[in-house]
PDB file of N, CA and C in Angstrom:
ATOM      1  N   UNK A   1       0.845  -1.167   0.000  1.00  0.00           N
ATOM      2  CA  UNK A   1       0.000   0.000   0.000  1.00  0.00           C
ATOM      3  C   UNK A   1       0.896   1.238   0.000  1.00  0.00           C
ATOM      4  N   UNK A   2       0.766   2.040  -1.042  1.00  0.00           N
ATOM      5  CA  UNK A   2       1.574   3.242  -1.185  1.00  0.00           C
ATOM      6  C   UNK A   2       0.859   4.422  -0.552  1.00  0.00           C
ATOM      7  N   UNK A   3       1.535   5.072   0.361  1.00  0.00           N
ATOM      8  CA  UNK A   3       0.973   6.234   1.051  1.00  0.00           C
ATOM      9  C   UNK A   3       1.922   7.407   0.847  1.00  0.00           C
ATOM     10  N   UNK A   4       1.393   8.519   0.395  1.00  0.00           N
ATOM     11  CA  UNK A   4       2.190   9.709   0.152  1.00  0.00           C
ATOM     12  C   UNK A   4       1.696  10.838   1.047  1.00  0.00           C
ATOM     13  N   UNK A   5       2.609  11.422   1.810  1.00  0.00           N
ATOM     14  CA  UNK A   5       2.251  12.571   2.631  1.00  0.00           C
ATOM     15  C   UNK A   5       2.692  13.841   1.914  1.00  0.00           C
ATOM     16  N   UNK A   6       1.801  14.782   1.841  1.00  0.00           N
ATOM     17  CA  UNK A   6       2.088  16.054   1.198  1.00  0.00           C
ATOM     18  C   UNK A   6       2.519  17.055   2.262  1.00  0.00           C
ATOM     19  N   UNK A   7       3.064  18.150   1.842  1.00  0.00           N
ATOM     20  CA  UNK A   7       3.603  19.137   2.783  1.00  0.00           C
ATOM     21  C   UNK A   7       2.551  19.588   3.795  1.00  0.00           C
ATOM     22  N   UNK A   8       2.899  19.540   5.083  1.00  0.00           N
ATOM     23  CA  UNK A   8       1.952  20.002   6.104  1.00  0.00           C
ATOM     24  C   UNK A   8       1.822  21.523   6.085  1.00  0.00           C
ATOM     25  N   UNK A   9       0.709  21.986   6.599  1.00  0.00           N
ATOM     26  CA  UNK A   9       0.475  23.425   6.719  1.00  0.00           C
ATOM     27  C   UNK A   9      -0.199  23.683   8.057  1.00  0.00           C
ATOM     28  N   UNK A  10      -0.310  24.943   8.440  1.00  0.00           N
ATOM     29  CA  UNK A  10      -0.905  25.316   9.719  1.00  0.00           C
ATOM     30  C   UNK A  10      -2.086  26.243   9.463  1.00  0.00           C
ATOM     31  N   UNK A  11      -3.175  25.993  10.179  1.00  0.00           N
ATOM     32  CA  UNK A  11      -4.358  26.858  10.115  1.00  0.00           C
ATOM     33  C   UNK A  11      -4.857  27.050  11.539  1.00  0.00           C
ATOM     34  N   UNK A  12      -4.946  28.289  11.962  1.00  0.00           N
ATOM     35  CA  UNK A  12      -5.396  28.659  13.312  1.00  0.00           C
ATOM     36  C   UNK A  12      -4.637  27.870  14.390  1.00  0.00           C
ATOM     37  N   UNK A  13      -3.359  27.629  14.131  1.00  0.00           N
ATOM     38  CA  UNK A  13      -2.524  26.913  15.084  1.00  0.00           C
ATOM     39  C   UNK A  13      -2.574  25.398  14.949  1.00  0.00           C
ATOM     40  N   UNK A  14      -3.485  24.875  14.157  1.00  0.00           N
ATOM     41  CA  UNK A  14      -3.613  23.433  13.946  1.00  0.00           C
ATOM     42  C   UNK A  14      -2.720  22.993  12.793  1.00  0.00           C
ATOM     43  N   UNK A  15      -2.026  21.889  12.975  1.00  0.00           N
ATOM     44  CA  UNK A  15      -1.213  21.302  11.915  1.00  0.00           C
ATOM     45  C   UNK A  15      -2.122  20.467  11.016  1.00  0.00           C
ATOM     46  N   UNK A  16      -2.090  20.712   9.716  1.00  0.00           N
ATOM     47  CA  UNK A  16      -2.884  19.957   8.746  1.00  0.00           C
ATOM     48  C   UNK A  16      -1.945  19.154   7.864  1.00  0.00           C
ATOM     49  N   UNK A  17      -2.215  17.859   7.758  1.00  0.00           N
ATOM     50  CA  UNK A  17      -1.444  16.976   6.897  1.00  0.00           C
ATOM     51  C   UNK A  17      -2.401  16.300   5.922  1.00  0.00           C
ATOM     52  N   UNK A  18      -2.222  16.533   4.628  1.00  0.00           N
ATOM     53  CA  UNK A  18      -3.001  15.844   3.601  1.00  0.00           C
ATOM     54  C   UNK A  18      -2.133  14.715   3.065  1.00  0.00           C
ATOM     55  N   UNK A  19      -2.712  13.530   2.949  1.00  0.00           N
ATOM     56  CA  UNK A  19      -1.992  12.367   2.454  1.00  0.00           C
ATOM     57  C   UNK A  19      -2.781  11.713   1.330  1.00  0.00           C
ATOM     58  N   UNK A  20      -2.056  11.009   0.469  1.00  0.00           N
ATOM     59  CA  UNK A  20      -2.673  10.287  -0.645  1.00  0.00           C
ATOM     60  C   UNK A  20      -2.426   8.804  -0.455  1.00  0.00           C
ATOM     61  N   UNK A  21      -3.448   8.027  -0.764  1.00  0.00           N
ATOM     62  CA  UNK A  21      -3.333   6.580  -0.668  1.00  0.00           C
ATOM     63  C   UNK A  21      -4.264   5.955  -1.700  1.00  0.00           C
ATOM     64  N   UNK A  22      -3.710   5.151  -2.587  1.00  0.00           N
ATOM     65  CA  UNK A  22      -4.501   4.470  -3.620  1.00  0.00           C
ATOM     66  C   UNK A  22      -5.360   5.429  -4.437  1.00  0.00           C
ATOM     67  N   UNK A  23      -4.819   6.576  -4.790  1.00  0.00           N
ATOM     68  CA  UNK A  23      -5.515   7.511  -5.662  1.00  0.00           C
ATOM     69  C   UNK A  23      -6.561   8.388  -5.009  1.00  0.00           C
ATOM     70  N   UNK A  24      -6.689   8.321  -3.683  1.00  0.00           N
ATOM     71  CA  UNK A  24      -7.606   9.205  -2.968  1.00  0.00           C
ATOM     72  C   UNK A  24      -6.823   9.961  -1.895  1.00  0.00           C
ATOM     73  N   UNK A  25      -7.436  11.013  -1.393  1.00  0.00           N
ATOM     74  CA  UNK A  25      -6.762  11.875  -0.430  1.00  0.00           C
ATOM     75  C   UNK A  25      -7.562  11.941   0.867  1.00  0.00           C
ATOM     76  N   UNK A  26      -6.862  12.136   1.969  1.00  0.00           N
ATOM     77  CA  UNK A  26      -7.496  12.326   3.272  1.00  0.00           C
ATOM     78  C   UNK A  26      -6.637  13.284   4.077  1.00  0.00           C
ATOM     79  N   UNK A  27      -7.181  13.766   5.175  1.00  0.00           N
ATOM     80  CA  UNK A  27      -6.419  14.705   5.998  1.00  0.00           C
ATOM     81  C   UNK A  27      -6.381  14.234   7.435  1.00  0.00           C
ATOM     82  N   UNK A  28      -5.381  14.710   8.135  1.00  0.00           N
ATOM     83  CA  UNK A  28      -5.275  14.570   9.587  1.00  0.00           C
ATOM     84  C   UNK A  28      -4.880  15.931  10.131  1.00  0.00           C
ATOM     85  N   UNK A  29      -5.477  16.319  11.248  1.00  0.00           N
ATOM     86  CA  UNK A  29      -5.208  17.609  11.876  1.00  0.00           C
ATOM     87  C   UNK A  29      -4.827  17.392  13.336  1.00  0.00           C
ATOM     88  N   UNK A  30      -3.886  18.189  13.815  1.00  0.00           N
ATOM     89  CA  UNK A  30      -3.495  18.153  15.227  1.00  0.00           C
ATOM     90  C   UNK A  30      -3.628  19.553  15.815  1.00  0.00           C
ATOM     91  N   UNK A  31      -4.394  19.678  16.896  1.00  0.00           N
ATOM     92  CA  UNK A  31      -4.470  20.987  17.556  1.00  0.00           C
ATOM     93  C   UNK A  31      -3.145  21.308  18.250  1.00  0.00           C
ATOM     94  N   UNK A  32      -2.932  22.569  18.585  1.00  0.00           N
ATOM     95  CA  UNK A  32      -1.687  22.950  19.256  1.00  0.00           C
ATOM     96  C   UNK A  32      -1.464  22.133  20.529  1.00  0.00           C
ATOM     97  N   UNK A  33      -0.260  21.647  20.693  1.00  0.00           N
ATOM     98  CA  UNK A  33       0.101  20.916  21.897  1.00  0.00           C
ATOM     99  C   UNK A  33      -0.415  19.490  21.964  1.00  0.00           C
ATOM    100  N   UNK A  34      -0.947  18.984  20.894  1.00  0.00           N
ATOM    101  CA  UNK A  34      -1.501  17.630  20.879  1.00  0.00           C
ATOM    102  C   UNK A  34      -0.804  16.812  19.799  1.00  0.00           C
ATOM    103  N   UNK A  35      -0.517  15.570  20.090  1.00  0.00           N
ATOM    104  CA  UNK A  35       0.151  14.708  19.124  1.00  0.00           C
ATOM    105  C   UNK A  35      -0.803  13.730  18.436  1.00  0.00           C
ATOM    106  N   UNK A  36      -2.000  13.559  18.971  1.00  0.00           N
ATOM    107  CA  UNK A  36      -2.971  12.621  18.392  1.00  0.00           C
ATOM    108  C   UNK A  36      -3.777  13.328  17.312  1.00  0.00           C
ATOM    109  N   UNK A  37      -3.688  12.865  16.063  1.00  0.00           N
ATOM    110  CA  UNK A  37      -4.410  13.549  14.981  1.00  0.00           C
ATOM    111  C   UNK A  37      -5.914  13.305  15.010  1.00  0.00           C
ATOM    112  N   UNK A  38      -6.647  14.265  14.457  1.00  0.00           N
ATOM    113  CA  UNK A  38      -8.098  14.188  14.298  1.00  0.00           C
ATOM    114  C   UNK A  38      -8.397  14.178  12.806  1.00  0.00           C
ATOM    115  N   UNK A  39      -9.510  13.568  12.420  1.00  0.00           N
ATOM    116  CA  UNK A  39      -9.930  13.611  11.024  1.00  0.00           C
ATOM    117  C   UNK A  39     -11.427  13.364  10.946  1.00  0.00           C
ATOM    118  N   UNK A  40     -11.976  13.442   9.735  1.00  0.00           N
ATOM    119  CA  UNK A  40     -13.409  13.199   9.555  1.00  0.00           C
ATOM    120  C   UNK A  40     -13.701  11.807   9.026  1.00  0.00           C
ATOM    121  N   UNK A  41     -12.670  10.999   8.812  1.00  0.00           N
ATOM    122  CA  UNK A  41     -12.847   9.624   8.370  1.00  0.00           C
ATOM    123  C   UNK A  41     -13.271   9.471   6.913  1.00  0.00           C
ATOM    124  N   UNK A  42     -13.173  10.557   6.139  1.00  0.00           N
ATOM    125  CA  UNK A  42     -13.610  10.512   4.747  1.00  0.00           C
ATOM    126  C   UNK A  42     -12.416  10.574   3.798  1.00  0.00           C
ATOM    127  N   UNK A  43     -12.662  10.160   2.551  1.00  0.00           N
ATOM    128  CA  UNK A  43     -11.662  10.251   1.492  1.00  0.00           C
ATOM    129  C   UNK A  43     -12.163  11.221   0.431  1.00  0.00           C
ATOM    130  N   UNK A  44     -11.227  11.899  -0.231  1.00  0.00           N
ATOM    131  CA  UNK A  44     -11.560  12.938  -1.198  1.00  0.00           C
ATOM    132  C   UNK A  44     -10.868  12.656  -2.527  1.00  0.00           C
ATOM    133  N   UNK A  45     -11.488  13.075  -3.636  1.00  0.00           N
ATOM    134  CA  UNK A  45     -10.936  12.752  -4.949  1.00  0.00           C
ATOM    135  C   UNK A  45      -9.693  13.563  -5.324  1.00  0.00           C
ATOM    136  N   UNK A  46      -9.505  14.722  -4.689  1.00  0.00           N
ATOM    137  CA  UNK A  46      -8.348  15.564  -5.010  1.00  0.00           C
ATOM    138  C   UNK A  46      -7.689  16.077  -3.735  1.00  0.00           C
ATOM    139  N   UNK A  47      -6.439  16.484  -3.905  1.00  0.00           N
ATOM    140  CA  UNK A  47      -5.707  17.085  -2.788  1.00  0.00           C
ATOM    141  C   UNK A  47      -6.392  18.365  -2.333  1.00  0.00           C
ATOM    142  N   UNK A  48      -6.873  19.142  -3.279  1.00  0.00           N
ATOM    143  CA  UNK A  48      -7.534  20.407  -2.963  1.00  0.00           C
ATOM    144  C   UNK A  48      -8.806  20.183  -2.162  1.00  0.00           C
ATOM    145  N   UNK A  49      -9.580  19.161  -2.538  1.00  0.00           N
ATOM    146  CA  UNK A  49     -10.819  18.858  -1.812  1.00  0.00           C
ATOM    147  C   UNK A  49     -10.511  18.413  -0.385  1.00  0.00           C
ATOM    148  N   UNK A  50      -9.474  17.604  -0.206  1.00  0.00           N
ATOM    149  CA  UNK A  50      -9.087  17.161   1.136  1.00  0.00           C
ATOM    150  C   UNK A  50      -8.607  18.337   1.974  1.00  0.00           C
ATOM    151  N   UNK A  51      -7.846  19.236   1.360  1.00  0.00           N
ATOM    152  CA  UNK A  51      -7.356  20.402   2.088  1.00  0.00           C
ATOM    153  C   UNK A  51      -8.506  21.332   2.473  1.00  0.00           C
ATOM    154  N   UNK A  52      -9.447  21.544   1.561  1.00  0.00           N
ATOM    155  CA  UNK A  52     -10.615  22.384   1.868  1.00  0.00           C
ATOM    156  C   UNK A  52     -11.421  21.773   3.013  1.00  0.00           C
ATOM    157  N   UNK A  53     -11.603  20.459   2.990  1.00  0.00           N
ATOM    158  CA  UNK A  53     -12.327  19.775   4.074  1.00  0.00           C
ATOM    159  C   UNK A  53     -11.579  19.913   5.394  1.00  0.00           C
ATOM    160  N   UNK A  54     -10.257  19.829   5.345  1.00  0.00           N
ATOM    161  CA  UNK A  54      -9.446  19.987   6.557  1.00  0.00           C
ATOM    162  C   UNK A  54      -9.604  21.396   7.129  1.00  0.00           C
ATOM    163  N   UNK A  55      -9.608  22.384   6.255  1.00  0.00           N
ATOM    164  CA  UNK A  55      -9.777  23.774   6.718  1.00  0.00           C
ATOM    165  C   UNK A  55     -11.143  23.969   7.365  1.00  0.00           C
ATOM    166  N   UNK A  56     -12.182  23.424   6.765  1.00  0.00           N
ATOM    167  CA  UNK A  56     -13.527  23.498   7.350  1.00  0.00           C
ATOM    168  C   UNK A  56     -13.569  22.764   8.689  1.00  0.00           C
ATOM    169  N   UNK A  57     -12.908  21.610   8.765  1.00  0.00           N
ATOM    170  CA  UNK A  57     -12.849  20.827  10.000  1.00  0.00           C
ATOM    171  C   UNK A  57     -12.196  21.649  11.113  1.00  0.00           C
ATOM    172  N   UNK A  58     -11.048  22.251  10.809  1.00  0.00           N
ATOM    173  CA  UNK A  58     -10.330  23.059  11.797  1.00  0.00           C
ATOM    174  C   UNK A  58     -11.174  24.252  12.225  1.00  0.00           C
ATOM    175  N   UNK A  59     -11.761  24.957  11.274  1.00  0.00           N
ATOM    176  CA  UNK A  59     -12.582  26.126  11.602  1.00  0.00           C
ATOM    177  C   UNK A  59     -13.736  25.736  12.523  1.00  0.00           C
ATOM    178  N   UNK A  60     -14.374  24.600  12.214  1.00  0.00           N
ATOM    179  CA  UNK A  60     -15.489  24.147  13.051  1.00  0.00           C
ATOM    180  C   UNK A  60     -15.000  23.792  14.454  1.00  0.00           C
ATOM    181  N   UNK A  61     -13.902  23.070  14.553  1.00  0.00           N
ATOM    182  CA  UNK A  61     -13.383  22.677  15.866  1.00  0.00           C
ATOM    183  C   UNK A  61     -12.978  23.890  16.694  1.00  0.00           C
ATOM    184  N   UNK A  62     -12.367  24.886  16.064  1.00  0.00           N
ATOM    185  CA  UNK A  62     -11.986  26.115  16.772  1.00  0.00           C
ATOM    186  C   UNK A  62     -13.238  26.826  17.287  1.00  0.00           C
ATOM    187  N   UNK A  63     -14.278  26.891  16.457  1.00  0.00           N
ATOM    188  CA  UNK A  63     -15.527  27.536  16.873  1.00  0.00           C
ATOM    189  C   UNK A  63     -16.193  26.761  18.011  1.00  0.00           C
ATOM    190  N   UNK A  64     -16.192  25.443  17.928  1.00  0.00           N
ATOM    191  CA  UNK A  64     -16.776  24.617  18.982  1.00  0.00           C
ATOM    192  C   UNK A  64     -16.029  24.836  20.302  1.00  0.00           C
ATOM    193  N   UNK A  65     -14.706  24.798  20.251  1.00  0.00           N
ATOM    194  CA  UNK A  65     -13.919  24.991  21.474  1.00  0.00           C
ATOM    195  C   UNK A  65     -14.140  26.372  22.080  1.00  0.00           C
ATOM    196  N   UNK A  66     -14.247  27.390  21.235  1.00  0.00           N
ATOM    197  CA  UNK A  66     -14.496  28.753  21.734  1.00  0.00           C
ATOM    198  C   UNK A  66     -15.880  28.851  22.370  1.00  0.00           C
ATOM    199  N   UNK A  67     -16.865  28.224  21.747  1.00  0.00           N
ATOM    200  CA  UNK A  67     -18.228  28.234  22.289  1.00  0.00           C
ATOM    201  C   UNK A  67     -18.280  27.525  23.636  1.00  0.00           C
ATOM    202  N   UNK A  68     -17.620  26.388  23.728  1.00  0.00           N
ATOM    203  CA  UNK A  68     -17.594  25.640  24.994  1.00  0.00           C
ATOM    204  C   UNK A  68     -16.908  26.453  26.083  1.00  0.00           C
ATOM    205  N   UNK A  69     -15.819  27.128  25.738  1.00  0.00           N
ATOM    206  CA  UNK A  69     -15.104  27.938  26.730  1.00  0.00           C
ATOM    207  C   UNK A  69     -16.004  29.050  27.279  1.00  0.00           C
ATOM    208  N   UNK A  70     -16.690  29.754  26.389  1.00  0.00           N
ATOM    209  CA  UNK A  70     -17.582  30.834  26.827  1.00  0.00           C
ATOM    210  C   UNK A  70     -18.742  30.270  27.638  1.00  0.00           C
ATOM    211  N   UNK A  71     -19.330  29.167  27.172  1.00  0.00           N
ATOM    212  CA  UNK A  71     -20.452  28.565  27.899  1.00  0.00           C
ATOM    213  C   UNK A  71     -20.016  28.107  29.295  1.00  0.00           C
ATOM    214  N   UNK A  72     -18.804  27.570  29.412  1.00  0.00           N
ATOM    215  CA  UNK A  72     -18.279  27.169  30.731  1.00  0.00           C
ATOM    216  C   UNK A  72     -18.161  28.379  31.661  1.00  0.00           C
ATOM    217  N   UNK A  73     -17.656  29.486  31.120  1.00  0.00           N
ATOM    218  CA  UNK A  73     -17.527  30.706  31.927  1.00  0.00           C
ATOM    219  C   UNK A  73     -18.899  31.209  32.363  1.00  0.00           C
ATOM    220  N   UNK A  74     -19.855  31.227  31.437  1.00  0.00           N
ATOM    221  CA  UNK A  74     -21.202  31.684  31.766  1.00  0.00           C
ATOM    222  C   UNK A  74     -21.849  30.799  32.823  1.00  0.00           C
ATOM    223  N   UNK A  75     -21.662  29.487  32.700  1.00  0.00           N
ATOM    224  CA  UNK A  75     -22.233  28.562  33.681  1.00  0.00           C
ATOM    225  C   UNK A  75     -21.592  28.773  35.054  1.00  0.00           C
ATOM    226  N   UNK A  76     -20.274  28.914  35.067  1.00  0.00           N
ATOM    227  CA  UNK A  76     -19.549  29.082  36.338  1.00  0.00           C
ATOM    228  C   UNK A  76     -19.922  30.373  37.043  1.00  0.00           C
ATOM    229  N   UNK A  77     -20.265  31.409  36.285  1.00  0.00           N
ATOM    230  CA  UNK A  77     -20.605  32.694  36.901  1.00  0.00           C
ATOM    231  C   UNK A  77     -22.106  32.886  37.078  1.00  0.00           C
ATOM    232  N   UNK A  78     -22.876  31.873  36.727  1.00  0.00           N
ATOM    233  CA  UNK A  78     -24.313  31.936  36.926  1.00  0.00           C
ATOM    234  C   UNK A  78     -25.085  32.713  35.872  1.00  0.00           C
ATOM    235  N   UNK A  79     -24.451  33.030  34.760  1.00  0.00           N
ATOM    236  CA  UNK A  79     -25.137  33.774  33.704  1.00  0.00           C
ATOM    237  C   UNK A  79     -26.114  32.888  32.921  1.00  0.00           C
ATOM    238  N   UNK A  80     -25.881  31.583  32.940  1.00  0.00           N
ATOM    239  CA  UNK A  80     -26.807  30.641  32.311  1.00  0.00           C
ATOM    240  C   UNK A  80     -27.013  29.469  33.261  1.00  0.00           C
ATOM    241  N   UNK A  81     -28.095  28.758  33.050  1.00  0.00           N
ATOM    242  CA  UNK A  81     -28.375  27.554  33.834  1.00  0.00           C
ATOM    243  C   UNK A  81     -27.860  26.336  33.074  1.00  0.00           C
ATOM    244  N   UNK A  82     -27.854  25.208  33.766  1.00  0.00           N
ATOM    245  CA  UNK A  82     -27.288  23.995  33.180  1.00  0.00           C
ATOM    246  C   UNK A  82     -28.004  23.584  31.890  1.00  0.00           C
ATOM    247  N   UNK A  83     -29.311  23.719  31.848  1.00  0.00           N
ATOM    248  CA  UNK A  83     -30.053  23.358  30.630  1.00  0.00           C
ATOM    249  C   UNK A  83     -29.622  24.225  29.451  1.00  0.00           C
ATOM    250  N   UNK A  84     -29.430  25.523  29.703  1.00  0.00           N
ATOM    251  CA  UNK A  84     -28.960  26.416  28.644  1.00  0.00           C
ATOM    252  C   UNK A  84     -27.545  26.043  28.188  1.00  0.00           C
ATOM    253  N   UNK A  85     -26.724  25.644  29.163  1.00  0.00           N
ATOM    254  CA  UNK A  85     -25.360  25.205  28.843  1.00  0.00           C
ATOM    255  C   UNK A  85     -25.401  24.027  27.868  1.00  0.00           C
ATOM    256  N   UNK A  86     -26.199  23.022  28.180  1.00  0.00           N
ATOM    257  CA  UNK A  86     -26.265  21.830  27.316  1.00  0.00           C
ATOM    258  C   UNK A  86     -26.851  22.174  25.947  1.00  0.00           C
ATOM    259  N   UNK A  87     -27.799  23.093  25.900  1.00  0.00           N
ATOM    260  CA  UNK A  87     -28.338  23.515  24.596  1.00  0.00           C
ATOM    261  C   UNK A  87     -27.256  24.195  23.758  1.00  0.00           C
ATOM    262  N   UNK A  88     -26.400  24.982  24.402  1.00  0.00           N
ATOM    263  CA  UNK A  88     -25.342  25.678  23.679  1.00  0.00           C
ATOM    264  C   UNK A  88     -24.189  24.764  23.242  1.00  0.00           C
ATOM    265  N   UNK A  89     -23.976  23.690  23.985  1.00  0.00           N
ATOM    266  CA  UNK A  89     -22.809  22.854  23.732  1.00  0.00           C
ATOM    267  C   UNK A  89     -23.141  21.497  23.135  1.00  0.00           C
ATOM    268  N   UNK A  90     -24.356  21.311  22.668  1.00  0.00           N
ATOM    269  CA  UNK A  90     -24.732  20.045  22.018  1.00  0.00           C
ATOM    270  C   UNK A  90     -24.491  20.184  20.521  1.00  0.00           C
ATOM    271  N   UNK A  91     -23.370  19.669  20.049  1.00  0.00           N
ATOM    272  CA  UNK A  91     -22.980  19.831  18.658  1.00  0.00           C
ATOM    273  C   UNK A  91     -23.248  18.577  17.818  1.00  0.00           C
ATOM    274  N   UNK A  92     -24.069  17.691  18.323  1.00  0.00           N
ATOM    275  CA  UNK A  92     -24.362  16.449  17.599  1.00  0.00           C
ATOM    276  C   UNK A  92     -25.193  16.699  16.365  1.00  0.00           C
TER     277      UNK A  92
END
């Protein structure tokens, strides 16, 4: 099985690695200070499509983490109740 890793890049502090395997592309992303990569488990027909998906993945994860941080602060200071917290942080 031939696997090719393309040049890594950084977006919002996250390391993005696009790789090719058997004619398809996929990505892995690592947040700052983390060694375990994250991905969406999908394959893409082009390097550009995989990179675009990686950028969307990173942007979404950054937004989710920022939302959770603010919601945690609001909950801790009593600005919202627990039910409101779960409504804000349910990203399923």
